[in-house]
Each structure stands twice: as structure tokens, then as C-alpha cells.
Amino acid sequence: MGCKRILAAGLAGILMLPSFVLASTGDIGSIIEKFVDRQFPDAAGHYWVINETQWDGDEMIVDVQTIVKERREREPTLSRFLLLIVAGELRGVQNVPLEPGADCRAEEDV
């Protein structure tokens, strides 16, 4: 009986861990949304996809791809960025070229 309680408590702790970790990083979706809105202020519409994340304490690097529809363009614009989020705030941005073999642009402070 005691083993079942320990197992149940351990399972409950594991299930609660992801929500605790995500809550401590800030609202990543809102941070990305604000960045995309600032980066493409004249867009008619947009969406974004997180490709990958890397964690180190309260720092997070988010690899995000954006698809933006400009008002006068027929085809959407594809872009890729690395975002540095520290303690729930966007601290740096790097534009990653989509073409293979191209060099990354310099990092921008936010």
C-alpha cells in the first residue's frame, strides 16, 4: 500500500513539473507575438512556429520561424530568428538566413 502512494505521489510530481517550469519562463507565446508585431508592423497577418528551445537556468534560446503576409505581397515572407529570453524578457534577436550556407547576421540587442 505504501509503495502505491509513493508511486502516485512521484507521478503527480512529474506531471506538475512541466507547468512549473513553463510558468517560470514568462509567457513565451506573448513574448514571441510582441516581437513579430514589432518586426513586421505593416503585416496583414502572420503566424509563427517554434522549431526548438534550449534552456540554461533562467535563459532560454528560442528558434522561431515566422510566416508573414504583407498587405501588398501575394506570397508570404518566411523568416527565421533566434530569440534570447532572460527571466521572461526578450533580450536579444538574431536573424537566421533560410538559404543553406549563408552567414547569420549580427545579433541585435532589444
Protein backbone atom coordinates (compact mmCIF):
# COMPACT_ATOMS: atom_id res chain seq x y z
CA MET A 1 0.00 0.00 0.00
CA GLY A 2 2.82 2.43 0.88
CA CYS A 3 4.55 1.69 -2.44
CA LYS A 4 1.44 2.70 -4.39
CA ARG A 5 1.24 6.02 -2.53
CA ILE A 6 4.89 6.79 -3.22
CA LEU A 7 4.44 5.89 -6.89
CA ALA A 8 1.27 8.04 -7.14
CA ALA A 9 3.00 10.99 -5.44
CA GLY A 10 6.02 10.67 -7.74
CA LEU A 11 3.82 10.51 -10.83
CA ALA A 12 1.84 13.56 -9.70
CA GLY A 13 5.10 15.46 -9.14
CA ILE A 14 6.37 14.58 -12.62
CA LEU A 15 3.09 15.65 -14.23
CA MET A 16 3.18 19.00 -12.42
CA LEU A 17 6.83 19.72 -13.25
CA PRO A 18 6.35 20.94 -16.86
CA SER A 19 3.72 23.50 -15.83
CA PHE A 20 6.01 24.78 -13.05
CA VAL A 21 8.98 25.11 -15.44
CA LEU A 22 6.93 26.87 -18.13
CA ALA A 23 5.42 29.26 -15.60
CA SER A 24 8.89 30.39 -14.53
CA THR A 25 9.99 31.46 -18.04
CA GLY A 26 7.32 34.07 -18.63
CA ASP A 27 4.66 33.81 -21.28
CA ILE A 28 6.74 32.72 -24.26
CA GLY A 29 3.83 32.98 -26.67
CA SER A 30 3.20 36.61 -25.72
CA ILE A 31 6.91 37.44 -25.99
CA ILE A 32 7.11 35.97 -29.49
CA GLU A 33 3.85 37.63 -30.55
CA LYS A 34 5.08 41.07 -29.41
CA PHE A 35 8.38 40.53 -31.24
CA VAL A 36 6.66 39.54 -34.50
CA ASP A 37 4.27 42.51 -34.25
CA ARG A 38 7.24 44.87 -33.76
CA GLN A 39 9.32 43.23 -36.51
CA PHE A 40 6.50 43.33 -39.09
CA PRO A 41 4.25 46.29 -38.14
CA ASP A 42 2.55 46.55 -41.56
CA ALA A 43 1.69 42.86 -41.90
CA ALA A 44 -1.84 41.89 -42.86
CA GLY A 45 -1.42 38.62 -40.94
CA HIS A 46 1.18 36.28 -39.52
CA TYR A 47 1.85 33.09 -37.67
CA TRP A 48 4.93 31.58 -36.12
CA VAL A 49 6.29 28.16 -35.22
CA ILE A 50 8.81 27.28 -32.53
CA ASN A 51 11.41 24.96 -34.06
CA GLU A 52 13.48 24.32 -30.95
CA THR A 53 14.26 25.68 -27.49
CA GLN A 54 17.39 25.48 -25.34
CA TRP A 55 17.40 26.21 -21.60
CA ASP A 56 20.13 27.34 -19.23
CA GLY A 57 18.77 28.47 -15.87
CA ASP A 58 16.53 31.49 -16.46
CA GLU A 59 17.88 31.94 -20.02
CA MET A 60 16.12 30.43 -22.99
CA ILE A 61 17.04 30.44 -26.67
CA VAL A 62 14.03 30.01 -28.94
CA ASP A 63 14.43 29.09 -32.61
CA VAL A 64 11.29 30.51 -34.22
CA GLN A 65 10.13 30.63 -37.83
CA THR A 66 7.68 33.32 -38.94
CA ILE A 67 5.34 33.35 -41.92
CA VAL A 68 4.12 36.88 -42.61
CA LYS A 69 1.60 38.08 -45.19
CA GLU A 70 2.31 41.67 -46.18
CA ARG A 71 -0.59 43.79 -47.39
CA ARG A 72 0.66 44.26 -50.95
CA GLU A 73 2.51 40.98 -51.43
CA ARG A 74 0.92 37.87 -52.86
CA GLU A 75 3.38 35.40 -51.35
CA PRO A 76 4.06 35.26 -47.61
CA THR A 77 7.51 36.18 -46.29
CA LEU A 78 9.36 33.41 -44.45
CA SER A 79 11.89 34.37 -41.77
CA ARG A 80 13.78 32.57 -39.03
CA PHE A 81 15.04 34.08 -35.78
CA LEU A 82 16.86 33.05 -32.63
CA LEU A 83 15.40 34.84 -29.64
CA LEU A 84 17.22 35.16 -26.31
CA ILE A 85 14.72 35.31 -23.46
CA VAL A 86 16.09 36.01 -19.98
CA ALA A 87 13.85 35.93 -16.93
CA GLY A 88 10.75 36.27 -19.10
CA GLU A 89 12.00 39.22 -21.18
CA LEU A 90 13.31 39.34 -24.76
CA ARG A 91 16.97 40.39 -24.56
CA GLY A 92 18.43 39.59 -27.99
CA VAL A 93 17.47 38.66 -31.55
CA GLN A 94 19.45 37.10 -34.37
CA ASN A 95 18.09 36.71 -37.90
CA VAL A 96 18.98 33.28 -39.32
CA PRO A 97 19.13 33.05 -43.12
CA LEU A 98 16.92 30.43 -44.73
CA GLU A 99 19.38 29.76 -47.56
CA PRO A 100 21.85 26.92 -46.91
CA GLY A 101 25.43 28.07 -46.38
CA ALA A 102 24.57 31.74 -45.76
CA ASP A 103 26.10 33.55 -42.77
CA CYS A 104 23.97 34.75 -39.86
CA ARG A 105 23.51 38.46 -39.38
CA ALA A 106 24.86 40.20 -36.30
CA GLU A 107 22.89 39.90 -33.08
CA GLU A 108 20.58 42.78 -32.20
CA ASP A 109 20.03 43.98 -28.65
CA VAL A 110 16.40 44.51 -27.75
